[in-house]
C-alpha atoms as a PDB file:
ATOM      1  CA  UNK A   1       0.000   0.000   0.000  1.00  0.00           C
ATOM      2  CA  UNK A   2       1.289   3.478  -0.874  1.00  0.00           C
ATOM      3  CA  UNK A   3       0.171   6.328   1.388  1.00  0.00           C
ATOM      4  CA  UNK A   4       1.255   9.673   0.008  1.00  0.00           C
ATOM      5  CA  UNK A   5       3.251  11.993   2.209  1.00  0.00           C
ATOM      6  CA  UNK A   6       1.296  15.086   1.131  1.00  0.00           C
ATOM      7  CA  UNK A   7      -1.898  13.878   2.803  1.00  0.00           C
ATOM      8  CA  UNK A   8      -0.040  13.389   6.074  1.00  0.00           C
ATOM      9  CA  UNK A   9       1.840  16.693   6.040  1.00  0.00           C
ATOM     10  CA  UNK A  10      -1.197  18.807   5.127  1.00  0.00           C
ATOM     11  CA  UNK A  11      -2.870  17.721   8.351  1.00  0.00           C
ATOM     12  CA  UNK A  12       0.095  18.632  10.547  1.00  0.00           C
ATOM     13  CA  UNK A  13       0.776  22.105  11.932  1.00  0.00           C
ATOM     14  CA  UNK A  14       4.568  22.140  11.657  1.00  0.00           C
ATOM     15  CA  UNK A  15       6.922  25.030  11.001  1.00  0.00           C
ATOM     16  CA  UNK A  16       9.654  24.670   8.377  1.00  0.00           C
ATOM     17  CA  UNK A  17      12.233  24.415  11.178  1.00  0.00           C
ATOM     18  CA  UNK A  18      10.267  21.625  12.870  1.00  0.00           C
ATOM     19  CA  UNK A  19       9.845  19.700   9.608  1.00  0.00           C
ATOM     20  CA  UNK A  20      13.573  20.090   8.913  1.00  0.00           C
ATOM     21  CA  UNK A  21      14.331  18.379  12.225  1.00  0.00           C
ATOM     22  CA  UNK A  22      11.839  15.572  11.575  1.00  0.00           C
ATOM     23  CA  UNK A  23      12.675  15.088   7.875  1.00  0.00           C
ATOM     24  CA  UNK A  24      16.435  15.488   8.005  1.00  0.00           C
ATOM     25  CA  UNK A  25      18.210  16.185   4.730  1.00  0.00           C
ATOM     26  CA  UNK A  26      21.304  14.231   3.707  1.00  0.00           C
ATOM     27  CA  UNK A  27      23.359  16.111   1.145  1.00  0.00           C
ATOM     28  CA  UNK A  28      24.004  14.008  -1.902  1.00  0.00           C
ATOM     29  CA  UNK A  29      27.340  15.379  -3.124  1.00  0.00           C
ATOM     30  CA  UNK A  30      28.819  12.019  -2.053  1.00  0.00           C
ATOM     31  CA  UNK A  31      27.267   9.053  -3.888  1.00  0.00           C
ATOM     32  CA  UNK A  32      28.074   6.704  -1.019  1.00  0.00           C
ATOM     33  CA  UNK A  33      25.563   8.581   1.135  1.00  0.00           C
ATOM     34  CA  UNK A  34      22.649   7.692  -1.125  1.00  0.00           C
ATOM     35  CA  UNK A  35      22.331   4.041  -0.112  1.00  0.00           C
ATOM     36  CA  UNK A  36      22.308   2.407   3.297  1.00  0.00           C
ATOM     37  CA  UNK A  37      24.541  -0.548   4.011  1.00  0.00           C
ATOM     38  CA  UNK A  38      22.605  -1.397   7.188  1.00  0.00           C
ATOM     39  CA  UNK A  39      18.883  -2.090   7.793  1.00  0.00           C
ATOM     40  CA  UNK A  40      16.637   0.849   8.579  1.00  0.00           C
ATOM     41  CA  UNK A  41      15.202   3.994   7.047  1.00  0.00           C
ATOM     42  CA  UNK A  42      16.930   6.777   5.135  1.00  0.00           C
ATOM     43  CA  UNK A  43      15.286   9.810   3.554  1.00  0.00           C
ATOM     44  CA  UNK A  44      16.931  12.347   1.271  1.00  0.00           C
ATOM     45  CA  UNK A  45      15.554  15.524  -0.230  1.00  0.00           C
ATOM     46  CA  UNK A  46      16.924  15.554  -3.776  1.00  0.00           C
ATOM     47  CA  UNK A  47      15.675  19.032  -4.700  1.00  0.00           C
ATOM     48  CA  UNK A  48      12.440  20.705  -5.850  1.00  0.00           C
ATOM     49  CA  UNK A  49       9.713  18.173  -4.940  1.00  0.00           C
ATOM     50  CA  UNK A  50      12.007  15.162  -5.317  1.00  0.00           C
ATOM     51  CA  UNK A  51      12.304  13.059  -2.216  1.00  0.00           C
ATOM     52  CA  UNK A  52      14.118   9.750  -1.842  1.00  0.00           C
ATOM     53  CA  UNK A  53      13.228   7.201   0.853  1.00  0.00           C
ATOM     54  CA  UNK A  54      15.002   3.898   1.372  1.00  0.00           C
ATOM     55  CA  UNK A  55      13.511   1.310   3.718  1.00  0.00           C
ATOM     56  CA  UNK A  56      15.711  -1.746   3.927  1.00  0.00           C
ATOM     57  CA  UNK A  57      15.666  -3.032   0.321  1.00  0.00           C
ATOM     58  CA  UNK A  58      12.807  -0.831  -0.936  1.00  0.00           C
ATOM     59  CA  UNK A  59      13.467   2.571  -2.491  1.00  0.00           C
ATOM     60  CA  UNK A  60      10.955   5.345  -3.157  1.00  0.00           C
ATOM     61  CA  UNK A  61      11.384   8.543  -5.115  1.00  0.00           C
ATOM     62  CA  UNK A  62      10.270  11.344  -7.438  1.00  0.00           C
ATOM     63  CA  UNK A  63       8.121  14.299  -8.515  1.00  0.00           C
ATOM     64  CA  UNK A  64       4.703  14.961  -9.930  1.00  0.00           C
ATOM     65  CA  UNK A  65       3.009  18.104 -11.216  1.00  0.00           C
ATOM     66  CA  UNK A  66      -0.056  19.180  -9.261  1.00  0.00           C
ATOM     67  CA  UNK A  67      -1.842  22.408  -8.432  1.00  0.00           C
ATOM     68  CA  UNK A  68      -2.491  21.788  -4.743  1.00  0.00           C
ATOM     69  CA  UNK A  69      -5.389  23.194  -2.762  1.00  0.00           C
ATOM     70  CA  UNK A  70      -7.221  22.098   0.371  1.00  0.00           C
ATOM     71  CA  UNK A  71      -9.132  25.311   1.165  1.00  0.00           C
ATOM     72  CA  UNK A  72     -10.021  28.647  -0.454  1.00  0.00           C
ATOM     73  CA  UNK A  73      -6.794  30.232   0.788  1.00  0.00           C
ATOM     74  CA  UNK A  74      -4.002  27.708   0.212  1.00  0.00           C
ATOM     75  CA  UNK A  75      -3.550  27.446  -3.565  1.00  0.00           C
ATOM     76  CA  UNK A  76      -0.114  25.990  -4.383  1.00  0.00           C
ATOM     77  CA  UNK A  77       1.098  26.174  -0.782  1.00  0.00           C
ATOM     78  CA  UNK A  78       2.328  22.583  -0.649  1.00  0.00           C
ATOM     79  CA  UNK A  79       4.433  20.168  -2.669  1.00  0.00           C
ATOM     80  CA  UNK A  80       2.982  17.090  -4.312  1.00  0.00           C
ATOM     81  CA  UNK A  81       4.891  13.924  -5.035  1.00  0.00           C
ATOM     82  CA  UNK A  82       4.854  10.755  -7.059  1.00  0.00           C
ATOM     83  CA  UNK A  83       6.808   7.638  -6.138  1.00  0.00           C
ATOM     84  CA  UNK A  84       9.233   5.194  -7.634  1.00  0.00           C
ATOM     85  CA  UNK A  85       9.633   1.983  -5.648  1.00  0.00           C
ATOM     86  CA  UNK A  86      12.221  -0.635  -6.456  1.00  0.00           C
ATOM     87  CA  UNK A  87      14.235  -3.522  -5.137  1.00  0.00           C
ATOM     88  CA  UNK A  88      16.953  -5.655  -6.699  1.00  0.00           C
ATOM     89  CA  UNK A  89      14.673  -7.088  -9.402  1.00  0.00           C
ATOM     90  CA  UNK A  90      11.642  -4.823 -10.067  1.00  0.00           C
ATOM     91  CA  UNK A  91      10.792  -1.133 -10.413  1.00  0.00           C
ATOM     92  CA  UNK A  92       7.341   0.383  -9.880  1.00  0.00           C
ATOM     93  CA  UNK A  93       6.260   3.968 -10.613  1.00  0.00           C
ATOM     94  CA  UNK A  94       3.197   5.535  -8.943  1.00  0.00           C
ATOM     95  CA  UNK A  95       2.339   8.806 -10.693  1.00  0.00           C
ATOM     96  CA  UNK A  96      -0.083  10.110  -8.021  1.00  0.00           C
ATOM     97  CA  UNK A  97      -2.429  12.986  -8.982  1.00  0.00           C
ATOM     98  CA  UNK A  98      -0.556  14.857 -11.669  1.00  0.00           C
ATOM     99  CA  UNK A  99      -0.976  17.046 -14.710  1.00  0.00           C
ATOM    100  CA  UNK A 100       0.996  17.031 -17.944  1.00  0.00           C
ATOM    101  CA  UNK A 101       1.050  20.488 -19.466  1.00  0.00           C
ATOM    102  CA  UNK A 102       3.247  22.396 -21.888  1.00  0.00           C
ATOM    103  CA  UNK A 103       5.346  19.350 -22.814  1.00  0.00           C
ATOM    104  CA  UNK A 104       7.122  19.375 -19.453  1.00  0.00           C
ATOM    105  CA  UNK A 105      10.327  17.353 -19.226  1.00  0.00           C
ATOM    106  CA  UNK A 106      10.062  16.035 -15.645  1.00  0.00           C
ATOM    107  CA  UNK A 107       8.628  12.671 -16.693  1.00  0.00           C
ATOM    108  CA  UNK A 108      11.296  12.152 -19.359  1.00  0.00           C
ATOM    109  CA  UNK A 109      13.849  12.945 -16.671  1.00  0.00           C
ATOM    110  CA  UNK A 110      12.288  10.367 -14.330  1.00  0.00           C
ATOM    111  CA  UNK A 111      12.392   7.744 -17.080  1.00  0.00           C
ATOM    112  CA  UNK A 112      15.962   8.527 -18.072  1.00  0.00           C
ATOM    113  CA  UNK A 113      17.253   8.673 -14.503  1.00  0.00           C
ATOM    114  CA  UNK A 114      15.254   5.933 -12.771  1.00  0.00           C
ATOM    115  CA  UNK A 115      13.587   3.858 -15.502  1.00  0.00           C
ATOM    116  CA  UNK A 116      12.734   1.692 -17.178  1.00  0.00           C
ATOM    117  CA  UNK A 117       9.869   0.641 -14.897  1.00  0.00           C
ATOM    118  CA  UNK A 118       8.360  -2.839 -14.894  1.00  0.00           C
ATOM    119  CA  UNK A 119       4.966  -1.482 -13.849  1.00  0.00           C
ATOM    120  CA  UNK A 120       3.443   1.979 -13.485  1.00  0.00           C
ATOM    121  CA  UNK A 121       0.163   3.236 -12.027  1.00  0.00           C
ATOM    122  CA  UNK A 122      -0.836   6.346 -13.989  1.00  0.00           C
ATOM    123  CA  UNK A 123      -4.030   8.410 -13.542  1.00  0.00           C
ATOM    124  CA  UNK A 124      -6.395   8.604 -16.517  1.00  0.00           C
ATOM    125  CA  UNK A 125      -9.586  10.247 -15.181  1.00  0.00           C
ATOM    126  CA  UNK A 126     -11.170  13.498 -13.952  1.00  0.00           C
ATOM    127  CA  UNK A 127      -9.680  15.567 -16.785  1.00  0.00           C
ATOM    128  CA  UNK A 128     -12.533  17.695 -18.199  1.00  0.00           C
ATOM    129  CA  UNK A 129     -12.785  20.619 -18.721  1.00  0.00           C
ATOM    130  CA  UNK A 130      -9.141  20.905 -19.717  1.00  0.00           C
ATOM    131  CA  UNK A 131      -8.888  24.650 -19.009  1.00  0.00           C
ATOM    132  CA  UNK A 132      -9.590  23.928 -15.353  1.00  0.00           C
ATOM    133  CA  UNK A 133      -8.194  20.419 -14.844  1.00  0.00           C
ATOM    134  CA  UNK A 134      -4.988  20.338 -16.906  1.00  0.00           C
ATOM    135  CA  UNK A 135      -2.780  21.585 -14.051  1.00  0.00           C
ATOM    136  CA  UNK A 136      -3.722  18.696 -11.778  1.00  0.00           C
ATOM    137  CA  UNK A 137      -5.268  15.842 -13.809  1.00  0.00           C
ATOM    138  CA  UNK A 138      -3.995  14.452 -17.093  1.00  0.00           C
ATOM    139  CA  UNK A 139      -6.122  13.170 -19.943  1.00  0.00           C
ATOM    140  CA  UNK A 140      -5.787   9.558 -21.192  1.00  0.00           C
ATOM    141  CA  UNK A 141      -3.615  10.624 -24.145  1.00  0.00           C
ATOM    142  CA  UNK A 142      -1.312  12.520 -21.756  1.00  0.00           C
ATOM    143  CA  UNK A 143      -1.209   9.428 -19.533  1.00  0.00           C
ATOM    144  CA  UNK A 144       0.043   7.405 -22.501  1.00  0.00           C
ATOM    145  CA  UNK A 145       2.738  10.018 -23.094  1.00  0.00           C
ATOM    146  CA  UNK A 146       3.850   9.699 -19.461  1.00  0.00           C
ATOM    147  CA  UNK A 147       3.887   5.900 -19.913  1.00  0.00           C
ATOM    148  CA  UNK A 148       6.334   6.491 -22.777  1.00  0.00           C
ATOM    149  CA  UNK A 149       8.313   9.217 -20.978  1.00  0.00           C
ATOM    150  CA  UNK A 150       8.984   7.190 -17.821  1.00  0.00           C
ATOM    151  CA  UNK A 151       9.850   4.126 -19.935  1.00  0.00           C
ATOM    152  CA  UNK A 152       7.183   1.914 -18.416  1.00  0.00           C
ATOM    153  CA  UNK A 153       7.007  -1.640 -19.720  1.00  0.00           C
ATOM    154  CA  UNK A 154       3.438  -2.041 -18.434  1.00  0.00           C
ATOM    155  CA  UNK A 155       1.049   0.556 -17.022  1.00  0.00           C
ATOM    156  CA  UNK A 156      -2.304   0.419 -15.270  1.00  0.00           C
ATOM    157  CA  UNK A 157      -4.771   3.308 -15.482  1.00  0.00           C
ATOM    158  CA  UNK A 158      -5.871   4.597 -12.066  1.00  0.00           C
ATOM    159  CA  UNK A 159      -7.922   7.562 -10.775  1.00  0.00           C
ATOM    160  CA  UNK A 160     -11.100   6.825 -12.758  1.00  0.00           C
ATOM    161  CA  UNK A 161     -14.524   5.197 -12.412  1.00  0.00           C
ATOM    162  CA  UNK A 162     -14.944   5.497  -8.651  1.00  0.00           C
ATOM    163  CA  UNK A 163     -16.568   8.932  -8.407  1.00  0.00           C
ATOM    164  CA  UNK A 164     -17.809  11.415 -10.989  1.00  0.00           C
ATOM    165  CA  UNK A 165     -15.205  14.100 -10.290  1.00  0.00           C
ATOM    166  CA  UNK A 166     -15.220  16.024 -13.569  1.00  0.00           C
ATOM    167  CA  UNK A 167     -17.252  16.745 -16.688  1.00  0.00           C
ATOM    168  CA  UNK A 168     -16.401  13.620 -18.675  1.00  0.00           C
ATOM    169  CA  UNK A 169     -18.604  10.539 -18.254  1.00  0.00           C
ATOM    170  CA  UNK A 170     -16.962   8.601 -15.446  1.00  0.00           C
ATOM    171  CA  UNK A 171     -16.619   5.440 -17.577  1.00  0.00           C
ATOM    172  CA  UNK A 172     -15.096   7.292 -20.545  1.00  0.00           C
ATOM    173  CA  UNK A 173     -11.387   7.182 -19.549  1.00  0.00           C
ATOM    174  CA  UNK A 174     -10.734   3.487 -20.408  1.00  0.00           C
ATOM    175  CA  UNK A 175     -12.158   3.986 -23.912  1.00  0.00           C
ATOM    176  CA  UNK A 176     -10.075   7.113 -24.474  1.00  0.00           C
ATOM    177  CA  UNK A 177      -7.029   5.291 -23.089  1.00  0.00           C
ATOM    178  CA  UNK A 178      -7.417   2.415 -25.563  1.00  0.00           C
ATOM    179  CA  UNK A 179      -7.673   4.929 -28.424  1.00  0.00           C
ATOM    180  CA  UNK A 180      -4.575   6.792 -27.212  1.00  0.00           C
ATOM    181  CA  UNK A 181      -2.556   3.566 -26.926  1.00  0.00           C
ATOM    182  CA  UNK A 182      -3.463   2.637 -30.505  1.00  0.00           C
ATOM    183  CA  UNK A 183      -2.700   6.136 -31.799  1.00  0.00           C
ATOM    184  CA  UNK A 184       0.849   5.828 -30.405  1.00  0.00           C
ATOM    185  CA  UNK A 185       1.214   2.422 -32.117  1.00  0.00           C
ATOM    186  CA  UNK A 186       1.792   0.668 -28.787  1.00  0.00           C
ATOM    187  CA  UNK A 187       0.828  -2.880 -27.904  1.00  0.00           C
ATOM    188  CA  UNK A 188      -2.730  -2.785 -26.544  1.00  0.00           C
ATOM    189  CA  UNK A 189      -1.628  -4.761 -23.470  1.00  0.00           C
ATOM    190  CA  UNK A 190       1.116  -2.279 -22.550  1.00  0.00           C
ATOM    191  CA  UNK A 191      -1.297   0.142 -20.840  1.00  0.00           C
ATOM    192  CA  UNK A 192      -4.482  -1.355 -19.421  1.00  0.00           C
ATOM    193  CA  UNK A 193      -7.187  -0.831 -16.825  1.00  0.00           C
ATOM    194  CA  UNK A 194      -8.278  -3.402 -14.268  1.00  0.00           C
ATOM    195  CA  UNK A 195     -11.607  -3.809 -12.507  1.00  0.00           C
ATOM    196  CA  UNK A 196     -12.017  -2.611  -8.946  1.00  0.00           C
ATOM    197  CA  UNK A 197     -10.464  -5.190  -6.591  1.00  0.00           C
ATOM    198  CA  UNK A 198      -9.065  -7.197  -9.526  1.00  0.00           C
ATOM    199  CA  UNK A 199      -5.697  -8.805  -8.762  1.00  0.00           C
ATOM    200  CA  UNK A 200      -3.057  -8.275 -11.421  1.00  0.00           C
ATOM    201  CA  UNK A 201       0.199 -10.269 -11.401  1.00  0.00           C
ATOM    202  CA  UNK A 202       3.300  -9.687 -13.488  1.00  0.00           C
ATOM    203  CA  UNK A 203       5.549 -12.651 -14.309  1.00  0.00           C
END
């Protein structure tokens, strides 16, 4: 289970100084500092919204693009994050809530630096109207572009079909996703959706 840090931090009343003490930063000028040789937890702020966490053999990382808001007065007052999780044999990318506007390069950077990923979970829903939603929710065709950018071998569409959050019909995203996959000349099984509670195994 992945619980995003943003939802925890937004509910805490911490100053920057207090958070700095709790979430200590390890400078990464020395590569040997990036990985633990002993069991335990290590967290590293990489820069911008990039955050690296290592828990024993599991590693988590990376950015997303999101216009954050939790009240009428806190627009863009917090950072949002996506995650990369990997061990010695597999890599998983969790895109979180994210937009994909103006041909941004962050996802290509994630793919080049940390990919390729064996499996990715990429949001495909709650994207209309674009003028309002593009900063925080991508469309299915943008999701396919992120699938390509992060070098994902297999992706699963998330963030759709549970609630009617936007103007598109809530069951539209899988159809638009299938069209977008075909338009990019990708294998139809490379980016799929699964039913709620369906178990999906990779070999």
